[in-house]
Amino acid sequence: MFATPEQFAAANKANVETVLGLANSAFAGAERLAALNLNVARTLLQDTVANAKYLMGAKDAQELATLQASLAQPAIEKMVGYSRSVYEIATQTQEEVSKALESRFAELNSVVGSALDNAVKSAPAGSDVAVAAVKSALAAANSAYDSMTKAARQVAELAEANVSAATDATVKAMNAATTSAPAPKAAKKAA
């Protein structure tokens, strides 16, 4: 496929650069996810301590239940925010990897097409059928790749819409539950 050592070296260099780019994208995503997790853990610890102090100030069971209910909403909102952040990091990392792979596939396709054109020029007479078959196979592979890429994008868009709808529904349900829940009744004292 490669006519000269220079072309072979250039292809190898491009492959190494692609792999390094993919590795950098993966490490950047992992780094962002680790930073998010550390921040969430720190915030969770601080909130837990603050909430425990807040709940310890309750004077009776009814006030304790009311205080617990008031703490549920912010916790749910933080959980939903965390889920969205994780999803965004994963989606952005996946997009970066997809773009790199698509670019590399386009370059490879160009190289194969160029090599095929060069082969046609030096092919013996009567090999038109074989060349046409290879070109047809290449076109079919490109079409299949395009179809898979479009399907993957549609799945990603659908997943994003579902995640968004689910998180919105969770927040709305939690809001409705905390605002419409009846106040707990005080426990009857034994006589």
C-alpha atoms as a PDB file:
ATOM      1  CA  MET A   1       0.000   0.000   0.000  1.00  0.00           C
ATOM      2  CA  PHE A   2       2.839   2.426   0.840  1.00  0.00           C
ATOM      3  CA  ALA A   3       5.139   3.047  -2.075  1.00  0.00           C
ATOM      4  CA  THR A   4       8.016   4.678  -0.210  1.00  0.00           C
ATOM      5  CA  PRO A   5       9.666   4.502   3.214  1.00  0.00           C
ATOM      6  CA  GLU A   6       8.746   8.169   3.706  1.00  0.00           C
ATOM      7  CA  GLN A   7       5.057   7.387   3.283  1.00  0.00           C
ATOM      8  CA  PHE A   8       5.383   4.460   5.680  1.00  0.00           C
ATOM      9  CA  ALA A   9       7.134   6.665   8.239  1.00  0.00           C
ATOM     10  CA  ALA A  10       4.494   9.393   7.851  1.00  0.00           C
ATOM     11  CA  ALA A  11       1.712   6.863   8.378  1.00  0.00           C
ATOM     12  CA  ASN A  12       3.399   5.498  11.489  1.00  0.00           C
ATOM     13  CA  LYS A  13       3.884   9.010  12.838  1.00  0.00           C
ATOM     14  CA  ALA A  14       0.210   9.796  12.234  1.00  0.00           C
ATOM     15  CA  ASN A  15      -0.813   6.588  14.019  1.00  0.00           C
ATOM     16  CA  VAL A  16       1.369   7.408  17.025  1.00  0.00           C
ATOM     17  CA  GLU A  17      -0.031  10.948  17.156  1.00  0.00           C
ATOM     18  CA  THR A  18      -3.569   9.563  17.017  1.00  0.00           C
ATOM     19  CA  VAL A  19      -2.894   7.125  19.854  1.00  0.00           C
ATOM     20  CA  LEU A  20      -1.281   9.885  21.930  1.00  0.00           C
ATOM     21  CA  GLY A  21      -4.240  12.163  21.257  1.00  0.00           C
ATOM     22  CA  LEU A  22      -6.662   9.448  22.330  1.00  0.00           C
ATOM     23  CA  ALA A  23      -4.638   8.774  25.468  1.00  0.00           C
ATOM     24  CA  ASN A  24      -4.547  12.489  26.298  1.00  0.00           C
ATOM     25  CA  SER A  25      -8.321  12.732  25.842  1.00  0.00           C
ATOM     26  CA  ALA A  26      -8.869   9.721  28.084  1.00  0.00           C
ATOM     27  CA  PHE A  27      -6.507  11.057  30.761  1.00  0.00           C
ATOM     28  CA  ALA A  28      -8.092  14.516  30.622  1.00  0.00           C
ATOM     29  CA  GLY A  29     -11.533  12.967  31.111  1.00  0.00           C
ATOM     30  CA  ALA A  30     -10.279  10.818  33.984  1.00  0.00           C
ATOM     31  CA  GLU A  31      -8.606  13.852  35.560  1.00  0.00           C
ATOM     32  CA  ARG A  32     -11.812  15.891  35.341  1.00  0.00           C
ATOM     33  CA  LEU A  33     -13.797  13.008  36.804  1.00  0.00           C
ATOM     34  CA  ALA A  34     -11.311  12.580  39.674  1.00  0.00           C
ATOM     35  CA  ALA A  35     -11.432  16.312  40.440  1.00  0.00           C
ATOM     36  CA  LEU A  36     -15.232  16.223  40.404  1.00  0.00           C
ATOM     37  CA  ASN A  37     -15.283  13.225  42.743  1.00  0.00           C
ATOM     38  CA  LEU A  38     -12.848  14.875  45.155  1.00  0.00           C
ATOM     39  CA  ASN A  39     -14.904  18.066  45.215  1.00  0.00           C
ATOM     40  CA  VAL A  40     -18.123  16.115  45.752  1.00  0.00           C
ATOM     41  CA  ALA A  41     -16.536  14.072  48.550  1.00  0.00           C
ATOM     42  CA  ARG A  42     -15.290  17.251  50.253  1.00  0.00           C
ATOM     43  CA  THR A  43     -18.685  18.921  49.937  1.00  0.00           C
ATOM     44  CA  LEU A  44     -20.472  15.781  51.127  1.00  0.00           C
ATOM     45  CA  LEU A  45     -18.310  15.618  54.244  1.00  0.00           C
ATOM     46  CA  GLN A  46     -18.879  19.303  55.002  1.00  0.00           C
ATOM     47  CA  ASP A  47     -22.620  18.998  54.408  1.00  0.00           C
ATOM     48  CA  THR A  48     -22.869  15.879  56.558  1.00  0.00           C
ATOM     49  CA  VAL A  49     -21.191  17.613  59.491  1.00  0.00           C
ATOM     50  CA  ALA A  50     -23.308  20.748  59.057  1.00  0.00           C
ATOM     51  CA  ASN A  51     -26.522  18.737  58.716  1.00  0.00           C
ATOM     52  CA  ALA A  52     -25.713  16.640  61.792  1.00  0.00           C
ATOM     53  CA  LYS A  53     -25.213  19.817  63.833  1.00  0.00           C
ATOM     54  CA  TYR A  54     -28.434  21.225  62.386  1.00  0.00           C
ATOM     55  CA  LEU A  55     -30.411  18.086  63.255  1.00  0.00           C
ATOM     56  CA  MET A  56     -28.955  17.933  66.760  1.00  0.00           C
ATOM     57  CA  GLY A  57     -30.653  21.243  67.453  1.00  0.00           C
ATOM     58  CA  ALA A  58     -34.114  19.709  67.062  1.00  0.00           C
ATOM     59  CA  LYS A  59     -36.239  19.997  70.183  1.00  0.00           C
ATOM     60  CA  ASP A  60     -38.663  17.155  69.445  1.00  0.00           C
ATOM     61  CA  ALA A  61     -39.435  14.375  66.951  1.00  0.00           C
ATOM     62  CA  GLN A  62     -41.697  16.576  64.829  1.00  0.00           C
ATOM     63  CA  GLU A  63     -39.055  19.257  64.439  1.00  0.00           C
ATOM     64  CA  LEU A  64     -36.474  16.567  63.650  1.00  0.00           C
ATOM     65  CA  ALA A  65     -38.694  15.148  60.888  1.00  0.00           C
ATOM     66  CA  THR A  66     -39.301  18.628  59.493  1.00  0.00           C
ATOM     67  CA  LEU A  67     -35.590  19.417  59.512  1.00  0.00           C
ATOM     68  CA  GLN A  68     -34.796  16.102  57.786  1.00  0.00           C
ATOM     69  CA  ALA A  69     -37.369  16.833  55.093  1.00  0.00           C
ATOM     70  CA  SER A  70     -35.879  20.282  54.529  1.00  0.00           C
ATOM     71  CA  LEU A  71     -32.422  18.719  54.027  1.00  0.00           C
ATOM     72  CA  ALA A  72     -33.616  16.172  51.461  1.00  0.00           C
ATOM     73  CA  GLN A  73     -34.227  18.662  48.646  1.00  0.00           C
ATOM     74  CA  PRO A  74     -30.710  20.139  48.539  1.00  0.00           C
ATOM     75  CA  ALA A  75     -29.218  16.631  48.744  1.00  0.00           C
ATOM     76  CA  ILE A  76     -31.285  15.442  45.774  1.00  0.00           C
ATOM     77  CA  GLU A  77     -30.372  18.541  43.780  1.00  0.00           C
ATOM     78  CA  LYS A  78     -26.660  17.975  44.478  1.00  0.00           C
ATOM     79  CA  MET A  79     -26.981  14.327  43.461  1.00  0.00           C
ATOM     80  CA  VAL A  80     -28.682  15.313  40.206  1.00  0.00           C
ATOM     81  CA  GLY A  81     -26.002  17.951  39.579  1.00  0.00           C
ATOM     82  CA  TYR A  82     -23.287  15.377  40.168  1.00  0.00           C
ATOM     83  CA  SER A  83     -24.952  12.942  37.764  1.00  0.00           C
ATOM     84  CA  ARG A  84     -25.188  15.625  35.112  1.00  0.00           C
ATOM     85  CA  SER A  85     -21.528  16.535  35.568  1.00  0.00           C
ATOM     86  CA  VAL A  86     -20.421  12.907  35.239  1.00  0.00           C
ATOM     87  CA  TYR A  87     -22.558  12.529  32.127  1.00  0.00           C
ATOM     88  CA  GLU A  88     -21.128  15.727  30.616  1.00  0.00           C
ATOM     89  CA  ILE A  89     -17.535  14.597  31.244  1.00  0.00           C
ATOM     90  CA  ALA A  90     -18.220  11.196  29.715  1.00  0.00           C
ATOM     91  CA  THR A  91     -20.005  12.717  26.730  1.00  0.00           C
ATOM     92  CA  GLN A  92     -17.275  15.281  26.051  1.00  0.00           C
ATOM     93  CA  THR A  93     -14.551  12.647  26.302  1.00  0.00           C
ATOM     94  CA  GLN A  94     -16.469  10.352  23.963  1.00  0.00           C
ATOM     95  CA  GLU A  95     -16.922  13.210  21.466  1.00  0.00           C
ATOM     96  CA  GLU A  96     -13.193  13.972  21.500  1.00  0.00           C
ATOM     97  CA  VAL A  97     -12.350  10.311  20.896  1.00  0.00           C
ATOM     98  CA  SER A  98     -14.944  10.049  18.135  1.00  0.00           C
ATOM     99  CA  LYS A  99     -13.609  13.145  16.372  1.00  0.00           C
ATOM    100  CA  ALA A 100     -10.060  11.811  16.499  1.00  0.00           C
ATOM    101  CA  LEU A 101     -11.118   8.435  15.154  1.00  0.00           C
ATOM    102  CA  GLU A 102     -13.249   9.996  12.426  1.00  0.00           C
ATOM    103  CA  SER A 103     -10.332  12.173  11.364  1.00  0.00           C
ATOM    104  CA  ARG A 104      -7.971   9.204  11.299  1.00  0.00           C
ATOM    105  CA  PHE A 105     -10.523   7.132   9.360  1.00  0.00           C
ATOM    106  CA  ALA A 106     -10.851   9.913   6.778  1.00  0.00           C
ATOM    107  CA  GLU A 107      -7.051  10.071   6.405  1.00  0.00           C
ATOM    108  CA  LEU A 108      -6.825   6.299   6.059  1.00  0.00           C
ATOM    109  CA  ASN A 109      -9.624   6.326   3.515  1.00  0.00           C
ATOM    110  CA  SER A 110      -7.772   8.957   1.512  1.00  0.00           C
ATOM    111  CA  VAL A 111      -4.535   6.948   1.615  1.00  0.00           C
ATOM    112  CA  VAL A 112      -6.323   3.778   0.520  1.00  0.00           C
ATOM    113  CA  GLY A 113      -8.062   5.647  -2.290  1.00  0.00           C
ATOM    114  CA  SER A 114      -4.771   7.152  -3.427  1.00  0.00           C
ATOM    115  CA  ALA A 115      -3.036   3.779  -3.312  1.00  0.00           C
ATOM    116  CA  LEU A 116      -5.884   2.247  -5.268  1.00  0.00           C
ATOM    117  CA  ASP A 117      -5.626   4.970  -7.916  1.00  0.00           C
ATOM    118  CA  ASN A 118      -1.884   4.335  -8.193  1.00  0.00           C
ATOM    119  CA  ALA A 119      -2.508   0.613  -8.469  1.00  0.00           C
ATOM    120  CA  VAL A 120      -5.011   1.207 -11.275  1.00  0.00           C
ATOM    121  CA  LYS A 121      -2.398   3.121 -13.253  1.00  0.00           C
ATOM    122  CA  SER A 122       0.059   0.252 -13.106  1.00  0.00           C
ATOM    123  CA  ALA A 123      -2.484  -2.585 -13.220  1.00  0.00           C
ATOM    124  CA  PRO A 124      -2.365  -4.979 -16.126  1.00  0.00           C
ATOM    125  CA  ALA A 125      -5.010  -4.782 -18.813  1.00  0.00           C
ATOM    126  CA  GLY A 126      -8.209  -6.584 -17.921  1.00  0.00           C
ATOM    127  CA  SER A 127      -7.983  -5.926 -14.189  1.00  0.00           C
ATOM    128  CA  ASP A 128     -10.745  -3.323 -14.350  1.00  0.00           C
ATOM    129  CA  VAL A 129     -13.230  -5.735 -12.791  1.00  0.00           C
ATOM    130  CA  ALA A 130     -10.998  -6.386  -9.777  1.00  0.00           C
ATOM    131  CA  VAL A 131     -10.330  -2.679  -9.292  1.00  0.00           C
ATOM    132  CA  ALA A 132     -14.046  -1.921  -9.556  1.00  0.00           C
ATOM    133  CA  ALA A 133     -14.763  -4.605  -6.950  1.00  0.00           C
ATOM    134  CA  VAL A 134     -12.210  -3.108  -4.542  1.00  0.00           C
ATOM    135  CA  LYS A 135     -13.626   0.383  -5.086  1.00  0.00           C
ATOM    136  CA  SER A 136     -17.129  -0.953  -4.521  1.00  0.00           C
ATOM    137  CA  ALA A 137     -16.042  -2.670  -1.298  1.00  0.00           C
ATOM    138  CA  LEU A 138     -14.369   0.542  -0.137  1.00  0.00           C
ATOM    139  CA  ALA A 139     -17.512   2.539  -0.894  1.00  0.00           C
ATOM    140  CA  ALA A 140     -19.640  -0.019   0.983  1.00  0.00           C
ATOM    141  CA  ALA A 141     -17.293   0.135   3.985  1.00  0.00           C
ATOM    142  CA  ASN A 142     -17.477   3.942   3.983  1.00  0.00           C
ATOM    143  CA  SER A 143     -21.252   3.823   3.768  1.00  0.00           C
ATOM    144  CA  ALA A 144     -21.457   1.348   6.645  1.00  0.00           C
ATOM    145  CA  TYR A 145     -19.109   3.490   8.734  1.00  0.00           C
ATOM    146  CA  ASP A 146     -21.202   6.594   8.033  1.00  0.00           C
ATOM    147  CA  SER A 147     -24.385   4.731   8.971  1.00  0.00           C
ATOM    148  CA  MET A 148     -22.859   3.483  12.226  1.00  0.00           C
ATOM    149  CA  THR A 149     -21.589   6.954  13.068  1.00  0.00           C
ATOM    150  CA  LYS A 150     -25.019   8.494  12.464  1.00  0.00           C
ATOM    151  CA  ALA A 151     -26.703   5.773  14.526  1.00  0.00           C
ATOM    152  CA  ALA A 152     -24.230   6.315  17.374  1.00  0.00           C
ATOM    153  CA  ARG A 153     -24.917  10.053  17.320  1.00  0.00           C
ATOM    154  CA  GLN A 154     -28.669   9.430  17.414  1.00  0.00           C
ATOM    155  CA  VAL A 155     -28.262   7.053  20.360  1.00  0.00           C
ATOM    156  CA  ALA A 156     -26.121   9.635  22.167  1.00  0.00           C
ATOM    157  CA  GLU A 157     -28.711  12.364  21.544  1.00  0.00           C
ATOM    158  CA  LEU A 158     -31.509  10.088  22.742  1.00  0.00           C
ATOM    159  CA  ALA A 159     -29.533   9.146  25.846  1.00  0.00           C
ATOM    160  CA  GLU A 160     -28.859  12.807  26.582  1.00  0.00           C
ATOM    161  CA  ALA A 161     -32.554  13.635  26.233  1.00  0.00           C
ATOM    162  CA  ASN A 162     -33.488  10.724  28.506  1.00  0.00           C
ATOM    163  CA  VAL A 163     -30.929  11.697  31.150  1.00  0.00           C
ATOM    164  CA  SER A 164     -32.173  15.264  31.082  1.00  0.00           C
ATOM    165  CA  ALA A 165     -35.816  14.194  31.322  1.00  0.00           C
ATOM    166  CA  ALA A 166     -35.085  11.760  34.141  1.00  0.00           C
ATOM    167  CA  THR A 167     -33.163  14.304  36.203  1.00  0.00           C
ATOM    168  CA  ASP A 168     -35.848  16.944  35.665  1.00  0.00           C
ATOM    169  CA  ALA A 169     -38.540  14.449  36.679  1.00  0.00           C
ATOM    170  CA  THR A 170     -36.565  13.506  39.790  1.00  0.00           C
ATOM    171  CA  VAL A 171     -36.205  17.120  40.861  1.00  0.00           C
ATOM    172  CA  LYS A 172     -39.891  17.843  40.202  1.00  0.00           C
ATOM    173  CA  ALA A 173     -40.989  14.735  42.097  1.00  0.00           C
ATOM    174  CA  MET A 174     -38.772  15.646  45.006  1.00  0.00           C
ATOM    175  CA  ASN A 175     -40.118  19.206  45.010  1.00  0.00           C
ATOM    176  CA  ALA A 176     -43.681  17.920  44.959  1.00  0.00           C
ATOM    177  CA  ALA A 177     -43.000  15.417  47.721  1.00  0.00           C
ATOM    178  CA  THR A 178     -41.376  17.931  50.050  1.00  0.00           C
ATOM    179  CA  THR A 179     -43.962  20.681  49.488  1.00  0.00           C
ATOM    180  CA  SER A 180     -47.086  18.497  49.697  1.00  0.00           C
ATOM    181  CA  ALA A 181     -46.027  16.088  52.439  1.00  0.00           C
ATOM    182  CA  PRO A 182     -48.113  16.489  55.589  1.00  0.00           C
ATOM    183  CA  ALA A 183     -46.284  17.500  58.709  1.00  0.00           C
ATOM    184  CA  PRO A 184     -45.485  14.474  60.877  1.00  0.00           C
ATOM    185  CA  LYS A 185     -47.631  14.058  63.929  1.00  0.00           C
ATOM    186  CA  ALA A 186     -46.006  14.157  67.323  1.00  0.00           C
ATOM    187  CA  ALA A 187     -45.737  10.803  69.025  1.00  0.00           C
ATOM    188  CA  LYS A 188     -48.307  10.227  71.747  1.00  0.00           C
ATOM    189  CA  LYS A 189     -46.870  10.245  75.193  1.00  0.00           C
ATOM    190  CA  ALA A 190     -47.471   7.202  77.285  1.00  0.00           C
ATOM    191  CA  ALA A 191     -49.547   7.927  80.348  1.00  0.00           C
END
